[in-house]
Amino acid sequence: MNDLTYFAQIDTNNICLQVHVVTQEFIDENPERYTGIWVETFYNNPNKTYAGEGYIYDAQTQDFTAPPYDPPPIN
């Protein structure tokens, strides 16, 4: 059995929608379950950012960045 890997589903704007722990083979064999674009995200790599919901994917670096933080207004 292949090692499990972290994959992030991204939308057409490269925004992470969800993360699953599966094999690439499982994704390939289940296209009805894994629709859209799935890219690998790295949990234990100090040179990569682990994807979370809302994170932005950069195809050139094959890495994610955190979404911009918009603090709530102070009343």
PDB file of N, CA and C in Angstrom:
ATOM      1  N   MET A   1       0.851  -1.184   0.000  1.00  0.00           N
ATOM      2  CA  MET A   1       0.000   0.000   0.000  1.00  0.00           C
ATOM      3  C   MET A   1       0.893   1.243   0.000  1.00  0.00           C
ATOM      4  N   ASN A   2       0.503   2.219  -0.786  1.00  0.00           N
ATOM      5  CA  ASN A   2       1.255   3.474  -0.833  1.00  0.00           C
ATOM      6  C   ASN A   2       1.028   4.280   0.432  1.00  0.00           C
ATOM      7  N   ASP A   3       1.977   5.160   0.702  1.00  0.00           N
ATOM      8  CA  ASP A   3       1.852   6.029   1.862  1.00  0.00           C
ATOM      9  C   ASP A   3       0.720   7.021   1.664  1.00  0.00           C
ATOM     10  N   LEU A   4       0.050   7.333   2.747  1.00  0.00           N
ATOM     11  CA  LEU A   4      -0.995   8.344   2.700  1.00  0.00           C
ATOM     12  C   LEU A   4      -0.346   9.717   2.583  1.00  0.00           C
ATOM     13  N   THR A   5      -1.006  10.578   1.856  1.00  0.00           N
ATOM     14  CA  THR A   5      -0.487  11.916   1.589  1.00  0.00           C
ATOM     15  C   THR A   5      -1.616  12.911   1.817  1.00  0.00           C
ATOM     16  N   TYR A   6      -1.249  14.150   2.108  1.00  0.00           N
ATOM     17  CA  TYR A   6      -2.231  15.218   2.287  1.00  0.00           C
ATOM     18  C   TYR A   6      -2.493  15.888   0.945  1.00  0.00           C
ATOM     19  N   PHE A   7      -3.762  15.965   0.573  1.00  0.00           N
ATOM     20  CA  PHE A   7      -4.157  16.628  -0.662  1.00  0.00           C
ATOM     21  C   PHE A   7      -5.202  17.689  -0.350  1.00  0.00           C
ATOM     22  N   ALA A   8      -5.052  18.833  -0.994  1.00  0.00           N
ATOM     23  CA  ALA A   8      -5.992  19.939  -0.822  1.00  0.00           C
ATOM     24  C   ALA A   8      -6.802  20.116  -2.100  1.00  0.00           C
ATOM     25  N   GLN A   9      -8.087  20.268  -1.956  1.00  0.00           N
ATOM     26  CA  GLN A   9      -8.933  20.606  -3.104  1.00  0.00           C
ATOM     27  C   GLN A   9      -8.943  22.121  -3.215  1.00  0.00           C
ATOM     28  N   ILE A  10      -8.644  22.615  -4.416  1.00  0.00           N
ATOM     29  CA  ILE A  10      -8.657  24.061  -4.629  1.00  0.00           C
ATOM     30  C   ILE A  10      -9.703  24.414  -5.680  1.00  0.00           C
ATOM     31  N   ASP A  11     -10.222  25.632  -5.568  1.00  0.00           N
ATOM     32  CA  ASP A  11     -11.194  26.096  -6.558  1.00  0.00           C
ATOM     33  C   ASP A  11     -10.463  26.792  -7.707  1.00  0.00           C
ATOM     34  N   THR A  12     -11.210  27.385  -8.628  1.00  0.00           N
ATOM     35  CA  THR A  12     -10.610  28.018  -9.802  1.00  0.00           C
ATOM     36  C   THR A  12      -9.813  29.272  -9.468  1.00  0.00           C
ATOM     37  N   ASN A  13      -9.960  29.775  -8.234  1.00  0.00           N
ATOM     38  CA  ASN A  13      -9.175  30.923  -7.772  1.00  0.00           C
ATOM     39  C   ASN A  13      -7.999  30.491  -6.895  1.00  0.00           C
ATOM     40  N   ASN A  14      -7.717  29.184  -6.882  1.00  0.00           N
ATOM     41  CA  ASN A  14      -6.622  28.593  -6.102  1.00  0.00           C
ATOM     42  C   ASN A  14      -6.819  28.697  -4.595  1.00  0.00           C
ATOM     43  N   ILE A  15      -8.061  28.769  -4.162  1.00  0.00           N
ATOM     44  CA  ILE A  15      -8.393  28.816  -2.740  1.00  0.00           C
ATOM     45  C   ILE A  15      -8.680  27.394  -2.258  1.00  0.00           C
ATOM     46  N   CYS A  16      -8.066  27.012  -1.148  1.00  0.00           N
ATOM     47  CA  CYS A  16      -8.264  25.671  -0.593  1.00  0.00           C
ATOM     48  C   CYS A  16      -9.676  25.540  -0.026  1.00  0.00           C
ATOM     49  N   LEU A  17     -10.361  24.490  -0.451  1.00  0.00           N
ATOM     50  CA  LEU A  17     -11.711  24.219   0.021  1.00  0.00           C
ATOM     51  C   LEU A  17     -11.728  23.195   1.148  1.00  0.00           C
ATOM     52  N   GLN A  18     -10.822  22.195   1.036  1.00  0.00           N
ATOM     53  CA  GLN A  18     -10.756  21.127   2.031  1.00  0.00           C
ATOM     54  C   GLN A  18      -9.462  20.358   1.858  1.00  0.00           C
ATOM     55  N   VAL A  19      -9.090  19.596   2.884  1.00  0.00           N
ATOM     56  CA  VAL A  19      -7.885  18.771   2.849  1.00  0.00           C
ATOM     57  C   VAL A  19      -8.270  17.344   3.229  1.00  0.00           C
ATOM     58  N   HIS A  20      -7.758  16.376   2.460  1.00  0.00           N
ATOM     59  CA  HIS A  20      -7.979  14.954   2.741  1.00  0.00           C
ATOM     60  C   HIS A  20      -6.645  14.243   2.849  1.00  0.00           C
ATOM     61  N   VAL A  21      -6.618  13.166   3.605  1.00  0.00           N
ATOM     62  CA  VAL A  21      -5.437  12.315   3.709  1.00  0.00           C
ATOM     63  C   VAL A  21      -5.744  11.028   2.946  1.00  0.00           C
ATOM     64  N   VAL A  22      -5.137  10.897   1.770  1.00  0.00           N
ATOM     65  CA  VAL A  22      -5.389   9.764   0.878  1.00  0.00           C
ATOM     66  C   VAL A  22      -4.119   9.498   0.064  1.00  0.00           C
ATOM     67  N   THR A  23      -4.207   8.524  -0.824  1.00  0.00           N
ATOM     68  CA  THR A  23      -3.128   8.302  -1.780  1.00  0.00           C
ATOM     69  C   THR A  23      -3.540   8.914  -3.116  1.00  0.00           C
ATOM     70  N   GLN A  24      -2.558   9.226  -3.936  1.00  0.00           N
ATOM     71  CA  GLN A  24      -2.850   9.730  -5.277  1.00  0.00           C
ATOM     72  C   GLN A  24      -3.646   8.691  -6.057  1.00  0.00           C
ATOM     73  N   GLU A  25      -3.317   7.419  -5.866  1.00  0.00           N
ATOM     74  CA  GLU A  25      -4.045   6.343  -6.539  1.00  0.00           C
ATOM     75  C   GLU A  25      -5.529   6.364  -6.185  1.00  0.00           C
ATOM     76  N   PHE A  26      -5.838   6.584  -4.906  1.00  0.00           N
ATOM     77  CA  PHE A  26      -7.231   6.601  -4.467  1.00  0.00           C
ATOM     78  C   PHE A  26      -7.989   7.747  -5.123  1.00  0.00           C
ATOM     79  N   ILE A  27      -7.350   8.906  -5.197  1.00  0.00           N
ATOM     80  CA  ILE A  27      -7.982  10.045  -5.873  1.00  0.00           C
ATOM     81  C   ILE A  27      -8.244   9.701  -7.338  1.00  0.00           C
ATOM     82  N   ASP A  28      -7.232   9.137  -7.999  1.00  0.00           N
ATOM     83  CA  ASP A  28      -7.362   8.789  -9.418  1.00  0.00           C
ATOM     84  C   ASP A  28      -8.436   7.735  -9.664  1.00  0.00           C
ATOM     85  N   GLU A  29      -8.591   6.804  -8.734  1.00  0.00           N
ATOM     86  CA  GLU A  29      -9.549   5.712  -8.888  1.00  0.00           C
ATOM     87  C   GLU A  29     -10.973   6.101  -8.477  1.00  0.00           C
ATOM     88  N   ASN A  30     -11.146   7.280  -7.896  1.00  0.00           N
ATOM     89  CA  ASN A  30     -12.460   7.715  -7.416  1.00  0.00           C
ATOM     90  C   ASN A  30     -12.805   9.123  -7.902  1.00  0.00           C
ATOM     91  N   PRO A  31     -12.853   9.306  -9.232  1.00  0.00           N
ATOM     92  CA  PRO A  31     -13.103  10.656  -9.753  1.00  0.00           C
ATOM     93  C   PRO A  31     -14.473  11.214  -9.391  1.00  0.00           C
ATOM     94  N   GLU A  32     -15.432  10.338  -9.120  1.00  0.00           N
ATOM     95  CA  GLU A  32     -16.762  10.824  -8.731  1.00  0.00           C
ATOM     96  C   GLU A  32     -16.742  11.399  -7.317  1.00  0.00           C
ATOM     97  N   ARG A  33     -15.815  10.944  -6.509  1.00  0.00           N
ATOM     98  CA  ARG A  33     -15.689  11.433  -5.130  1.00  0.00           C
ATOM     99  C   ARG A  33     -14.720  12.606  -5.037  1.00  0.00           C
ATOM    100  N   TYR A  34     -13.691  12.582  -5.866  1.00  0.00           N
ATOM    101  CA  TYR A  34     -12.660  13.625  -5.847  1.00  0.00           C
ATOM    102  C   TYR A  34     -12.727  14.445  -7.126  1.00  0.00           C
ATOM    103  N   THR A  35     -13.753  15.247  -7.214  1.00  0.00           N
ATOM    104  CA  THR A  35     -13.938  16.103  -8.385  1.00  0.00           C
ATOM    105  C   THR A  35     -13.119  17.371  -8.223  1.00  0.00           C
ATOM    106  N   GLY A  36     -12.862  18.045  -9.304  1.00  0.00           N
ATOM    107  CA  GLY A  36     -12.140  19.306  -9.241  1.00  0.00           C
ATOM    108  C   GLY A  36     -10.638  19.107  -9.221  1.00  0.00           C
ATOM    109  N   ILE A  37      -9.957  20.096  -8.673  1.00  0.00           N
ATOM    110  CA  ILE A  37      -8.500  20.122  -8.673  1.00  0.00           C
ATOM    111  C   ILE A  37      -7.986  19.756  -7.287  1.00  0.00           C
ATOM    112  N   TRP A  38      -7.095  18.763  -7.230  1.00  0.00           N
ATOM    113  CA  TRP A  38      -6.484  18.322  -5.986  1.00  0.00           C
ATOM    114  C   TRP A  38      -4.971  18.451  -6.110  1.00  0.00           C
ATOM    115  N   VAL A  39      -4.342  19.107  -5.147  1.00  0.00           N
ATOM    116  CA  VAL A  39      -2.892  19.283  -5.150  1.00  0.00           C
ATOM    117  C   VAL A  39      -2.340  18.819  -3.803  1.00  0.00           C
ATOM    118  N   GLU A  40      -1.106  18.369  -3.828  1.00  0.00           N
ATOM    119  CA  GLU A  40      -0.482  17.892  -2.601  1.00  0.00           C
ATOM    120  C   GLU A  40      -0.139  19.069  -1.692  1.00  0.00           C
ATOM    121  N   THR A  41      -0.357  18.868  -0.397  1.00  0.00           N
ATOM    122  CA  THR A  41       0.083  19.830   0.606  1.00  0.00           C
ATOM    123  C   THR A  41       0.943  19.068   1.596  1.00  0.00           C
ATOM    124  N   PHE A  42       1.869  19.753   2.211  1.00  0.00           N
ATOM    125  CA  PHE A  42       2.891  19.074   2.997  1.00  0.00           C
ATOM    126  C   PHE A  42       2.765  19.428   4.471  1.00  0.00           C
ATOM    127  N   TYR A  43       2.621  18.401   5.296  1.00  0.00           N
ATOM    128  CA  TYR A  43       2.417  18.583   6.725  1.00  0.00           C
ATOM    129  C   TYR A  43       3.738  18.700   7.493  1.00  0.00           C
ATOM    130  N   ASN A  44       4.715  17.901   7.119  1.00  0.00           N
ATOM    131  CA  ASN A  44       5.973  17.854   7.869  1.00  0.00           C
ATOM    132  C   ASN A  44       7.159  18.346   7.052  1.00  0.00           C
ATOM    133  N   ASN A  45       6.978  19.360   6.245  1.00  0.00           N
ATOM    134  CA  ASN A  45       8.057  19.914   5.441  1.00  0.00           C
ATOM    135  C   ASN A  45       8.264  21.368   5.868  1.00  0.00           C
ATOM    136  N   PRO A  46       9.417  21.682   6.453  1.00  0.00           N
ATOM    137  CA  PRO A  46       9.632  23.047   6.945  1.00  0.00           C
ATOM    138  C   PRO A  46       9.690  24.097   5.838  1.00  0.00           C
ATOM    139  N   ASN A  47       9.836  23.668   4.582  1.00  0.00           N
ATOM    140  CA  ASN A  47       9.903  24.609   3.458  1.00  0.00           C
ATOM    141  C   ASN A  47       8.562  24.815   2.766  1.00  0.00           C
ATOM    142  N   LYS A  48       7.529  24.169   3.271  1.00  0.00           N
ATOM    143  CA  LYS A  48       6.190  24.280   2.679  1.00  0.00           C
ATOM    144  C   LYS A  48       5.176  24.623   3.759  1.00  0.00           C
ATOM    145  N   THR A  49       4.077  25.222   3.338  1.00  0.00           N
ATOM    146  CA  THR A  49       2.993  25.577   4.254  1.00  0.00           C
ATOM    147  C   THR A  49       1.853  24.583   4.082  1.00  0.00           C
ATOM    148  N   TYR A  50       1.434  23.994   5.183  1.00  0.00           N
ATOM    149  CA  TYR A  50       0.311  23.060   5.159  1.00  0.00           C
ATOM    150  C   TYR A  50      -0.970  23.840   4.867  1.00  0.00           C
ATOM    151  N   ALA A  51      -1.749  23.354   3.920  1.00  0.00           N
ATOM    152  CA  ALA A  51      -2.973  24.042   3.518  1.00  0.00           C
ATOM    153  C   ALA A  51      -4.056  23.917   4.581  1.00  0.00           C
ATOM    154  N   GLY A  52      -4.830  24.947   4.677  1.00  0.00           N
ATOM    155  CA  GLY A  52      -6.031  24.952   5.498  1.00  0.00           C
ATOM    156  C   GLY A  52      -7.129  25.602   4.684  1.00  0.00           C
ATOM    157  N   GLU A  53      -8.338  25.450   5.124  1.00  0.00           N
ATOM    158  CA  GLU A  53      -9.465  26.046   4.413  1.00  0.00           C
ATOM    159  C   GLU A  53      -9.228  27.544   4.246  1.00  0.00           C
ATOM    160  N   GLY A  54      -9.325  28.028   3.013  1.00  0.00           N
ATOM    161  CA  GLY A  54      -9.128  29.436   2.729  1.00  0.00           C
ATOM    162  C   GLY A  54      -7.710  29.806   2.327  1.00  0.00           C
ATOM    163  N   TYR A  55      -6.772  28.886   2.506  1.00  0.00           N
ATOM    164  CA  TYR A  55      -5.390  29.164   2.101  1.00  0.00           C
ATOM    165  C   TYR A  55      -5.300  29.262   0.587  1.00  0.00           C
ATOM    166  N   ILE A  56      -4.314  29.988   0.091  1.00  0.00           N
ATOM    167  CA  ILE A  56      -4.188  30.278  -1.338  1.00  0.00           C
ATOM    168  C   ILE A  56      -3.007  29.502  -1.906  1.00  0.00           C
ATOM    169  N   TYR A  57      -3.252  28.783  -3.007  1.00  0.00           N
ATOM    170  CA  TYR A  57      -2.233  27.948  -3.639  1.00  0.00           C
ATOM    171  C   TYR A  57      -1.501  28.722  -4.728  1.00  0.00           C
ATOM    172  N   ASP A  58      -0.173  28.610  -4.729  1.00  0.00           N
ATOM    173  CA  ASP A  58       0.672  29.197  -5.773  1.00  0.00           C
ATOM    174  C   ASP A  58       1.264  28.046  -6.577  1.00  0.00           C
ATOM    175  N   ALA A  59       0.851  27.917  -7.828  1.00  0.00           N
ATOM    176  CA  ALA A  59       1.299  26.807  -8.664  1.00  0.00           C
ATOM    177  C   ALA A  59       2.790  26.867  -8.960  1.00  0.00           C
ATOM    178  N   GLN A  60       3.367  28.059  -9.020  1.00  0.00           N
ATOM    179  CA  GLN A  60       4.802  28.174  -9.302  1.00  0.00           C
ATOM    180  C   GLN A  60       5.642  27.592  -8.176  1.00  0.00           C
ATOM    181  N   THR A  61       5.310  27.910  -6.957  1.00  0.00           N
ATOM    182  CA  THR A  61       6.080  27.417  -5.816  1.00  0.00           C
ATOM    183  C   THR A  61       5.530  26.103  -5.271  1.00  0.00           C
ATOM    184  N   GLN A  62       4.344  25.718  -5.744  1.00  0.00           N
ATOM    185  CA  GLN A  62       3.629  24.547  -5.239  1.00  0.00           C
ATOM    186  C   GLN A  62       3.498  24.617  -3.725  1.00  0.00           C
ATOM    187  N   ASP A  63       3.086  25.790  -3.261  1.00  0.00           N
ATOM    188  CA  ASP A  63       2.968  26.042  -1.837  1.00  0.00           C
ATOM    189  C   ASP A  63       1.705  26.863  -1.567  1.00  0.00           C
ATOM    190  N   PHE A  64       1.317  26.893  -0.317  1.00  0.00           N
ATOM    191  CA  PHE A  64       0.139  27.641   0.116  1.00  0.00           C
ATOM    192  C   PHE A  64       0.564  28.816   0.985  1.00  0.00           C
ATOM    193  N   THR A  65      -0.243  29.860   0.950  1.00  0.00           N
ATOM    194  CA  THR A  65      -0.065  30.982   1.867  1.00  0.00           C
ATOM    195  C   THR A  65      -1.375  31.187   2.608  1.00  0.00           C
ATOM    196  N   ALA A  66      -1.250  31.686   3.821  1.00  0.00           N
ATOM    197  CA  ALA A  66      -2.440  31.944   4.634  1.00  0.00           C
ATOM    198  C   ALA A  66      -3.252  33.065   3.995  1.00  0.00           C
ATOM    199  N   PRO A  67      -4.568  33.013   4.146  1.00  0.00           N
ATOM    200  CA  PRO A  67      -5.378  34.103   3.615  1.00  0.00           C
ATOM    201  C   PRO A  67      -5.084  35.391   4.357  1.00  0.00           C
ATOM    202  N   PRO A  68      -5.301  36.528   3.713  1.00  0.00           N
ATOM    203  CA  PRO A  68      -5.074  37.795   4.415  1.00  0.00           C
ATOM    204  C   PRO A  68      -6.001  37.913   5.623  1.00  0.00           C
ATOM    205  N   TYR A  69      -5.463  38.462   6.679  1.00  0.00           N
ATOM    206  CA  TYR A  69      -6.246  38.633   7.892  1.00  0.00           C
ATOM    207  C   TYR A  69      -6.903  39.994   7.870  1.00  0.00           C
ATOM    208  N   ASP A  70      -8.211  39.985   8.004  1.00  0.00           N
ATOM    209  CA  ASP A  70      -8.971  41.227   8.026  1.00  0.00           C
ATOM    210  C   ASP A  70      -9.569  41.365   9.422  1.00  0.00           C
ATOM    211  N   PRO A  71      -8.896  42.107  10.302  1.00  0.00           N
ATOM    212  CA  PRO A  71      -9.382  42.178  11.683  1.00  0.00           C
ATOM    213  C   PRO A  71     -10.736  42.847  11.766  1.00  0.00           C
ATOM    214  N   PRO A  72     -11.547  42.410  12.717  1.00  0.00           N
ATOM    215  CA  PRO A  72     -12.854  43.031  12.880  1.00  0.00           C
ATOM    216  C   PRO A  72     -12.687  44.486  13.359  1.00  0.00           C
ATOM    217  N   PRO A  73     -13.622  45.320  13.003  1.00  0.00           N
ATOM    218  CA  PRO A  73     -13.531  46.723  13.444  1.00  0.00           C
ATOM    219  C   PRO A  73     -13.677  46.816  14.965  1.00  0.00           C
ATOM    220  N   ILE A  74     -12.985  47.764  15.520  1.00  0.00           N
ATOM    221  CA  ILE A  74     -13.069  48.002  16.962  1.00  0.00           C
ATOM    222  C   ILE A  74     -14.082  49.105  17.180  1.00  0.00           C
ATOM    223  N   ASN A  75     -15.059  48.835  17.995  1.00  0.00           N
ATOM    224  CA  ASN A  75     -16.128  49.815  18.283  1.00  0.00           C
ATOM    225  C   ASN A  75     -15.864  50.549  19.553  1.00  0.00           C
TER     226      ASN A  75
END
